[in-house]
């Protein structure tokens, strides 16, 4: 027993004899076994394996969550169903953000949210337009520019609210203490503005202009039937969300150790690797719809998800940190914010004329590759 014996005898002396002592000893043994299991299975040397397996599990669960939200959409209608799909599709990012915030790992939180926006705008949308254009060389691929314009405006608002704290820090670099307080207060104020904008954006989608976000008539005619019921879908959705939370805990706990084991920076792991796995289901669905020449759905997936993270998940993280006394702000860093700005600008130019071809997708995709190498060579 070694060092474990004093603990056992101390429990016996405190609790006396009989059933109480036996229960205490058994509880101590279970606790020690559980602690040893965590050290052996989820220790530092296996952090990379834990992270990799957790990411694979998250990718599969994200695809199943997408399936369940599609089943719910049969009962709620296409507009509400699309909003539920976008919200639940970002469940992985939201849970990761809250866990990282709870552990005060602000840098991982910021990197993962930024990476999810970049992934949706450049990787998901770029790959979709590329393969959609190559699969429809003899067809003119068009989409409703009104939906793209609304989502782009929301993204620009989110970008503005992230740039203001960053530029404020460079405006007065001498007074660091005052600047930190000013950046924090400005971030919290801008977060409230962003959350208000998101509520208006949802109201715009569901009430005043829901005709822009509905399915085209030819797609409504091909409507399928639900495979499982509404409450069954909801029950499975809750269960999978719990499992996602457990796997996300492992991701947050092991990402820094895994970055050291793999010899890559934490920024690359958080901005590039995590979003690729988390957006796997959305990525596959977006490409499939683009190949079928249904770009309105593709844009709804990519732009809708990016806009929701930008003006909902990001400011919500700031607000929750505010309530918990954690200094979470909107200063994502110079290179990170610049990458986001160029990604939004490229997306705006790509979608401005209401039609698409494969060269647009190739430009977006190559831009994502360039940004990926930037963070791959980063030291942080």
Protein backbone atom coordinates (compact mmCIF):
# COMPACT_ATOMS: atom_id res chain seq x y z
CA UNK A 1 0.00 0.00 0.00
CA UNK A 2 2.83 2.45 0.78
CA UNK A 3 1.57 5.99 1.05
CA UNK A 4 -2.05 4.86 0.86
CA UNK A 5 -1.99 3.10 4.27
CA UNK A 6 -2.07 6.21 6.49
CA UNK A 7 -5.13 7.43 4.63
CA UNK A 8 -6.98 4.13 5.21
CA UNK A 9 -6.07 3.89 8.92
CA UNK A 10 -6.98 7.57 9.45
CA UNK A 11 -10.43 6.89 7.97
CA UNK A 12 -10.85 3.90 10.27
CA UNK A 13 -9.90 5.88 13.35
CA UNK A 14 -12.18 8.81 12.54
CA UNK A 15 -15.22 6.76 11.67
CA UNK A 16 -14.73 3.98 14.12
CA UNK A 17 -15.54 0.41 13.05
CA UNK A 18 -18.40 -1.30 11.30
CA UNK A 19 -20.26 -0.27 8.16
CA UNK A 20 -19.23 3.40 8.24
CA UNK A 21 -15.55 2.56 8.21
CA UNK A 22 -16.03 -0.01 5.45
CA UNK A 23 -17.95 2.46 3.30
CA UNK A 24 -15.30 5.12 3.80
CA UNK A 25 -12.51 2.74 2.85
CA UNK A 26 -14.40 1.59 -0.24
CA UNK A 27 -15.08 5.18 -1.25
CA UNK A 28 -11.41 6.01 -0.83
CA UNK A 29 -10.41 3.03 -2.95
CA UNK A 30 -12.83 4.02 -5.71
CA UNK A 31 -11.54 7.57 -5.59
CA UNK A 32 -7.93 6.37 -5.83
CA UNK A 33 -8.78 4.02 -8.69
CA UNK A 34 -10.53 6.81 -10.57
CA UNK A 35 -7.59 9.16 -10.01
CA UNK A 36 -5.15 6.50 -11.26
CA UNK A 37 -7.36 5.86 -14.31
CA UNK A 38 -7.32 9.54 -15.23
CA UNK A 39 -3.54 9.67 -14.86
CA UNK A 40 -2.98 6.54 -16.95
CA UNK A 41 -5.56 7.02 -19.71
CA UNK A 42 -5.78 10.81 -19.92
CA UNK A 43 -2.31 11.76 -18.75
CA UNK A 44 0.11 14.11 -20.44
CA UNK A 45 1.76 11.43 -22.56
CA UNK A 46 -1.59 10.50 -24.10
CA UNK A 47 -2.91 14.03 -24.44
CA UNK A 48 -2.47 13.99 -28.21
CA UNK A 49 -4.38 10.72 -28.53
CA UNK A 50 -7.12 12.02 -26.25
CA UNK A 51 -7.44 15.19 -28.29
CA UNK A 52 -7.47 13.34 -31.61
CA UNK A 53 -10.10 10.82 -30.53
CA UNK A 54 -12.21 13.56 -28.97
CA UNK A 55 -12.11 15.56 -32.19
CA UNK A 56 -13.17 12.51 -34.20
CA UNK A 57 -16.03 11.96 -31.79
CA UNK A 58 -17.06 15.60 -32.05
CA UNK A 59 -17.07 15.43 -35.85
CA UNK A 60 -19.40 12.42 -35.82
CA UNK A 61 -21.68 13.92 -33.17
CA UNK A 62 -21.83 17.19 -35.08
CA UNK A 63 -23.10 15.29 -38.13
CA UNK A 64 -25.76 13.55 -36.02
CA UNK A 65 -26.82 16.85 -34.47
CA UNK A 66 -27.26 18.23 -37.98
CA UNK A 67 -29.45 15.23 -38.84
CA UNK A 68 -31.60 15.71 -35.73
CA UNK A 69 -32.10 19.41 -36.39
CA UNK A 70 -33.22 18.54 -39.92
CA UNK A 71 -35.80 16.20 -38.42
CA UNK A 72 -37.00 18.99 -36.13
CA UNK A 73 -37.26 21.27 -39.17
CA UNK A 74 -39.96 19.00 -40.63
CA UNK A 75 -42.23 20.00 -37.73
CA UNK A 76 -41.22 23.65 -37.29
CA UNK A 77 -41.01 24.79 -40.92
CA UNK A 78 -37.97 25.70 -43.04
CA UNK A 79 -37.30 29.15 -41.55
CA UNK A 80 -37.41 28.15 -37.88
CA UNK A 81 -35.75 24.85 -38.76
CA UNK A 82 -32.90 26.66 -40.49
CA UNK A 83 -32.36 28.83 -37.43
CA UNK A 84 -32.42 25.77 -35.15
CA UNK A 85 -30.00 24.03 -37.52
CA UNK A 86 -27.56 26.94 -37.39
CA UNK A 87 -27.87 27.22 -33.59
CA UNK A 88 -27.42 23.52 -32.89
CA UNK A 89 -24.76 23.30 -35.58
CA UNK A 90 -22.74 25.73 -33.48
CA UNK A 91 -23.38 23.80 -30.27
CA UNK A 92 -19.84 22.43 -30.32
CA UNK A 93 -18.32 25.90 -30.58
CA UNK A 94 -20.61 27.26 -27.87
CA UNK A 95 -19.85 24.44 -25.42
CA UNK A 96 -16.11 24.69 -26.11
CA UNK A 97 -16.30 28.43 -25.52
CA UNK A 98 -18.10 28.09 -22.19
CA UNK A 99 -15.71 25.39 -20.94
CA UNK A 100 -12.65 27.39 -21.96
CA UNK A 101 -14.15 30.46 -20.29
CA UNK A 102 -14.82 28.52 -17.10
CA UNK A 103 -11.17 27.42 -17.02
CA UNK A 104 -10.06 30.99 -17.79
CA UNK A 105 -8.32 29.87 -21.00
CA UNK A 106 -9.21 33.06 -22.83
CA UNK A 107 -6.69 32.61 -25.64
CA UNK A 108 -8.11 29.19 -26.59
CA UNK A 109 -11.62 30.64 -26.44
CA UNK A 110 -10.77 33.52 -28.76
CA UNK A 111 -8.78 31.36 -31.16
CA UNK A 112 -11.50 28.71 -31.51
CA UNK A 113 -14.27 31.24 -32.16
CA UNK A 114 -12.17 33.15 -34.68
CA UNK A 115 -11.21 29.90 -36.37
CA UNK A 116 -14.83 28.83 -36.68
CA UNK A 117 -15.74 32.07 -38.48
CA UNK A 118 -12.75 31.76 -40.81
CA UNK A 119 -13.55 28.12 -41.50
CA UNK A 120 -17.15 28.88 -42.45
CA UNK A 121 -16.29 31.85 -44.66
CA UNK A 122 -13.23 30.52 -46.45
CA UNK A 123 -13.00 26.74 -46.10
CA UNK A 124 -16.65 25.66 -46.08
CA UNK A 125 -17.90 28.28 -48.54
CA UNK A 126 -14.75 28.10 -50.68
CA UNK A 127 -14.83 24.32 -51.04
CA UNK A 128 -18.56 24.42 -51.77
CA UNK A 129 -18.24 27.02 -54.53
CA UNK A 130 -15.22 25.22 -55.98
CA UNK A 131 -16.85 21.80 -56.25
CA UNK A 132 -20.21 23.31 -57.12
CA UNK A 133 -18.67 25.21 -60.01
CA UNK A 134 -16.70 22.21 -61.28
CA UNK A 135 -19.83 20.02 -61.11
CA UNK A 136 -21.94 22.57 -62.99
CA UNK A 137 -19.58 23.85 -65.68
CA UNK A 138 -22.40 24.05 -68.22
CA UNK A 139 -24.84 25.77 -65.86
CA UNK A 140 -25.08 29.26 -64.44
CA UNK A 141 -24.99 28.99 -60.67
CA UNK A 142 -27.05 31.74 -59.07
CA UNK A 143 -28.30 32.56 -55.57
CA UNK A 144 -30.41 35.15 -53.80
CA UNK A 145 -28.03 38.06 -53.06
CA UNK A 146 -30.45 39.53 -50.48
CA UNK A 147 -29.69 36.77 -47.97
CA UNK A 148 -25.96 37.10 -48.56
CA UNK A 149 -26.11 40.89 -48.14
CA UNK A 150 -27.93 40.68 -44.80
CA UNK A 151 -25.51 38.12 -43.39
CA UNK A 152 -22.55 40.15 -44.68
CA UNK A 153 -23.83 43.29 -42.96
CA UNK A 154 -24.09 41.40 -39.68
CA UNK A 155 -20.53 40.10 -40.13
CA UNK A 156 -19.28 43.63 -40.78
CA UNK A 157 -20.91 44.82 -37.57
CA UNK A 158 -19.19 42.03 -35.65
CA UNK A 159 -15.88 42.98 -37.27
CA UNK A 160 -16.32 46.63 -36.29
CA UNK A 161 -17.01 45.70 -32.67
CA UNK A 162 -13.83 43.59 -32.61
CA UNK A 163 -11.67 46.22 -34.27
CA UNK A 164 -12.61 49.05 -31.88
CA UNK A 165 -10.99 47.48 -28.78
CA UNK A 166 -7.94 46.48 -30.83
CA UNK A 167 -7.40 49.95 -32.30
CA UNK A 168 -8.01 51.52 -28.88
CA UNK A 169 -5.12 49.54 -27.46
CA UNK A 170 -2.79 50.84 -30.17
CA UNK A 171 -4.08 54.38 -29.77
CA UNK A 172 -2.70 54.71 -26.23
CA UNK A 173 0.05 52.13 -25.69
CA UNK A 174 1.76 54.12 -22.91
CA UNK A 175 -1.00 53.84 -20.28
CA UNK A 176 -1.40 50.05 -20.27
CA UNK A 177 -3.47 49.78 -17.08
CA UNK A 178 -5.95 52.40 -18.23
CA UNK A 179 -6.02 50.90 -21.72
CA UNK A 180 -6.83 47.41 -20.41
CA UNK A 181 -9.75 48.76 -18.41
CA UNK A 182 -10.98 50.84 -21.36
CA UNK A 183 -10.73 47.86 -23.75
CA UNK A 184 -12.64 45.66 -21.30
CA UNK A 185 -15.44 48.18 -20.79
CA UNK A 186 -15.65 48.93 -24.52
CA UNK A 187 -15.79 45.21 -25.28
CA UNK A 188 -18.66 44.67 -22.87
CA UNK A 189 -20.57 47.62 -24.32
CA UNK A 190 -20.01 46.41 -27.88
CA UNK A 191 -21.09 42.91 -26.84
CA UNK A 192 -24.45 44.25 -25.71
CA UNK A 193 -24.80 46.02 -29.05
CA UNK A 194 -23.94 42.81 -30.90
CA UNK A 195 -26.48 40.77 -28.93
CA UNK A 196 -29.16 43.35 -29.71
CA UNK A 197 -28.19 43.14 -33.38
CA UNK A 198 -28.48 39.35 -33.26
CA UNK A 199 -31.98 39.53 -31.79
CA UNK A 200 -33.02 41.95 -34.55
CA UNK A 201 -31.38 39.64 -37.11
CA UNK A 202 -33.42 36.69 -35.83
CA UNK A 203 -36.61 38.78 -35.84
CA UNK A 204 -35.80 39.82 -39.41
CA UNK A 205 -35.44 36.17 -40.40
CA UNK A 206 -38.53 34.85 -38.65
CA UNK A 207 -41.04 37.68 -38.93
CA UNK A 208 -40.59 40.70 -41.16
CA UNK A 209 -38.62 39.22 -44.08
CA UNK A 210 -38.95 35.47 -43.69
CA UNK A 211 -39.76 35.18 -47.41
CA UNK A 212 -36.07 35.80 -48.14
CA UNK A 213 -34.98 32.82 -46.06
CA UNK A 214 -37.54 30.22 -47.12
CA UNK A 215 -36.86 27.40 -49.52
CA UNK A 216 -37.40 28.00 -53.26
CA UNK A 217 -40.57 26.49 -54.71
CA UNK A 218 -38.77 23.78 -56.63
CA UNK A 219 -37.05 22.62 -53.43
CA UNK A 220 -40.27 22.68 -51.43
CA UNK A 221 -41.79 20.24 -53.93
CA UNK A 222 -39.05 17.71 -53.16
CA UNK A 223 -39.69 17.83 -49.41
CA UNK A 224 -38.97 14.56 -47.63
CA UNK A 225 -40.76 13.04 -44.66
CA UNK A 226 -39.48 12.97 -41.10
CA UNK A 227 -37.87 9.70 -40.01
CA UNK A 228 -38.38 10.14 -36.24
CA UNK A 229 -40.80 12.23 -34.20
CA UNK A 230 -40.32 15.71 -32.79
CA UNK A 231 -39.86 14.77 -29.15
CA UNK A 232 -37.64 11.81 -30.01
CA UNK A 233 -35.41 14.15 -32.02
CA UNK A 234 -35.35 16.61 -29.16
CA UNK A 235 -34.47 13.89 -26.64
CA UNK A 236 -31.61 12.56 -28.76
CA UNK A 237 -30.43 16.12 -29.32
CA UNK A 238 -30.18 16.75 -25.58
CA UNK A 239 -28.31 13.47 -25.05
CA UNK A 240 -25.80 14.16 -27.79
CA UNK A 241 -25.26 17.69 -26.49
CA UNK A 242 -24.26 16.20 -23.12
CA UNK A 243 -21.77 13.86 -24.82
CA UNK A 244 -20.41 16.81 -26.83
CA UNK A 245 -19.88 18.66 -23.55
CA UNK A 246 -17.87 15.73 -22.15
CA UNK A 247 -15.67 15.45 -25.24
CA UNK A 248 -15.24 19.22 -25.34
CA UNK A 249 -13.91 19.08 -21.79
CA UNK A 250 -11.17 16.71 -22.94
CA UNK A 251 -10.38 18.98 -25.90
CA UNK A 252 -9.98 22.06 -23.68
CA UNK A 253 -7.91 20.13 -21.14
CA UNK A 254 -5.47 18.60 -23.63
CA UNK A 255 -5.09 21.09 -26.46
CA UNK A 256 -2.06 22.89 -24.99
CA UNK A 257 -0.25 19.65 -24.15
CA UNK A 258 -1.13 18.22 -27.56
CA UNK A 259 0.28 21.26 -29.32
CA UNK A 260 3.60 20.62 -27.57
CA UNK A 261 3.49 16.91 -28.44
CA UNK A 262 2.77 17.61 -32.11
CA UNK A 263 5.20 20.51 -32.32
CA UNK A 264 2.63 23.06 -33.54
CA UNK A 265 1.39 26.27 -31.98
CA UNK A 266 -1.73 26.54 -29.84
CA UNK A 267 -3.09 29.14 -32.25
CA UNK A 268 -2.85 26.68 -35.17
CA UNK A 269 -4.54 23.94 -33.15
CA UNK A 270 -7.35 26.24 -32.00
CA UNK A 271 -7.90 28.32 -35.15
CA UNK A 272 -7.40 25.64 -37.82
CA UNK A 273 -7.65 22.08 -36.43
CA UNK A 274 -10.57 22.48 -34.01
CA UNK A 275 -12.93 24.28 -36.44
CA UNK A 276 -12.21 21.81 -39.26
CA UNK A 277 -13.40 18.95 -37.07
CA UNK A 278 -16.23 20.92 -35.49
CA UNK A 279 -17.56 22.10 -38.87
CA UNK A 280 -17.19 18.72 -40.59
CA UNK A 281 -20.94 18.10 -40.82
CA UNK A 282 -21.72 21.61 -42.06
CA UNK A 283 -18.84 21.35 -44.52
CA UNK A 284 -20.12 18.11 -46.04
CA UNK A 285 -23.71 19.33 -46.26
CA UNK A 286 -22.69 22.64 -47.80
CA UNK A 287 -20.63 20.94 -50.52
CA UNK A 288 -23.43 18.49 -51.34
CA UNK A 289 -25.97 21.29 -51.81
CA UNK A 290 -23.53 23.28 -53.95
CA UNK A 291 -22.94 20.28 -56.21
CA UNK A 292 -26.73 19.97 -56.56
CA UNK A 293 -26.78 23.65 -57.61
CA UNK A 294 -28.65 24.73 -54.47
CA UNK A 295 -26.43 27.64 -53.50
CA UNK A 296 -29.07 29.37 -51.39
CA UNK A 297 -28.90 26.52 -48.90
CA UNK A 298 -25.11 26.50 -49.09
CA UNK A 299 -24.94 30.21 -48.28
CA UNK A 300 -27.46 29.75 -45.50
CA UNK A 301 -25.23 27.13 -43.88
CA UNK A 302 -21.88 28.90 -44.24
CA UNK A 303 -22.86 32.55 -43.81
CA UNK A 304 -25.59 31.85 -41.26
CA UNK A 305 -23.22 29.92 -39.03
CA UNK A 306 -20.45 32.53 -39.33
CA UNK A 307 -22.85 35.38 -38.56
CA UNK A 308 -24.26 33.59 -35.54
CA UNK A 309 -20.83 32.97 -34.05
CA UNK A 310 -19.74 36.54 -34.75
CA UNK A 311 -22.68 38.42 -33.20
CA UNK A 312 -24.02 35.84 -30.76
CA UNK A 313 -21.46 33.33 -29.47
CA UNK A 314 -18.60 35.87 -29.25
CA UNK A 315 -20.53 38.59 -27.36
CA UNK A 316 -22.26 35.93 -25.24
CA UNK A 317 -18.82 34.73 -24.11
CA UNK A 318 -17.94 38.29 -23.11
CA UNK A 319 -21.24 38.67 -21.24
CA UNK A 320 -20.87 35.35 -19.39
CA UNK A 321 -17.30 36.25 -18.48
CA UNK A 322 -18.58 39.58 -17.19
CA UNK A 323 -21.04 37.76 -14.92
CA UNK A 324 -18.31 35.39 -13.69
CA UNK A 325 -15.80 38.18 -13.10
CA UNK A 326 -13.54 36.96 -15.93
CA UNK A 327 -11.86 39.61 -18.08
CA UNK A 328 -12.93 38.39 -21.50
CA UNK A 329 -12.73 41.13 -24.13
CA UNK A 330 -13.05 41.53 -27.91
CA UNK A 331 -9.34 42.16 -28.57
CA UNK A 332 -8.48 39.05 -30.60
CA UNK A 333 -5.03 40.26 -31.64
CA UNK A 334 -3.71 42.12 -34.66
CA UNK A 335 -3.01 39.18 -36.99
CA UNK A 336 -6.20 37.40 -35.98
CA UNK A 337 -8.44 40.43 -36.53
CA UNK A 338 -6.70 41.29 -39.81
CA UNK A 339 -7.29 37.73 -41.05
CA UNK A 340 -10.95 38.02 -40.15
CA UNK A 341 -11.26 41.38 -41.90
CA UNK A 342 -9.73 40.11 -45.14
CA UNK A 343 -11.89 36.97 -44.98
CA UNK A 344 -15.08 39.05 -44.73
CA UNK A 345 -13.97 41.40 -47.50
CA UNK A 346 -13.15 38.47 -49.81
CA UNK A 347 -16.53 36.94 -49.07
CA UNK A 348 -18.29 40.23 -49.85
CA UNK A 349 -16.58 40.54 -53.23
CA UNK A 350 -17.28 36.89 -53.97
CA UNK A 351 -21.03 37.18 -53.38
CA UNK A 352 -21.73 40.70 -54.65
CA UNK A 353 -23.12 39.78 -58.12
CA UNK A 354 -25.46 36.90 -57.20
CA UNK A 355 -23.72 34.20 -59.23
CA UNK A 356 -20.82 31.84 -58.71
CA UNK A 357 -18.18 29.80 -60.52
CA UNK A 358 -15.28 27.64 -59.42
CA UNK A 359 -12.63 30.39 -59.53
CA UNK A 360 -14.38 32.16 -56.65
CA UNK A 361 -14.27 29.04 -54.54
CA UNK A 362 -10.61 28.48 -55.40
CA UNK A 363 -9.68 32.01 -54.25
CA UNK A 364 -11.49 31.58 -50.93
CA UNK A 365 -9.94 28.16 -50.38
CA UNK A 366 -6.40 29.32 -51.19
CA UNK A 367 -6.88 32.29 -48.86
CA UNK A 368 -7.71 29.85 -46.07
CA UNK A 369 -4.57 27.84 -46.85
CA UNK A 370 -2.45 31.02 -46.65
CA UNK A 371 -3.96 31.97 -43.29
CA UNK A 372 -3.43 28.40 -42.06
CA UNK A 373 0.29 28.57 -42.79
CA UNK A 374 0.47 31.92 -41.03
CA UNK A 375 -0.74 30.36 -37.79
CA UNK A 376 1.24 27.17 -38.42
CA UNK A 377 4.49 29.15 -38.32
CA UNK A 378 3.27 31.19 -35.36
CA UNK A 379 5.08 30.75 -32.04
CA UNK A 380 1.97 31.12 -29.90
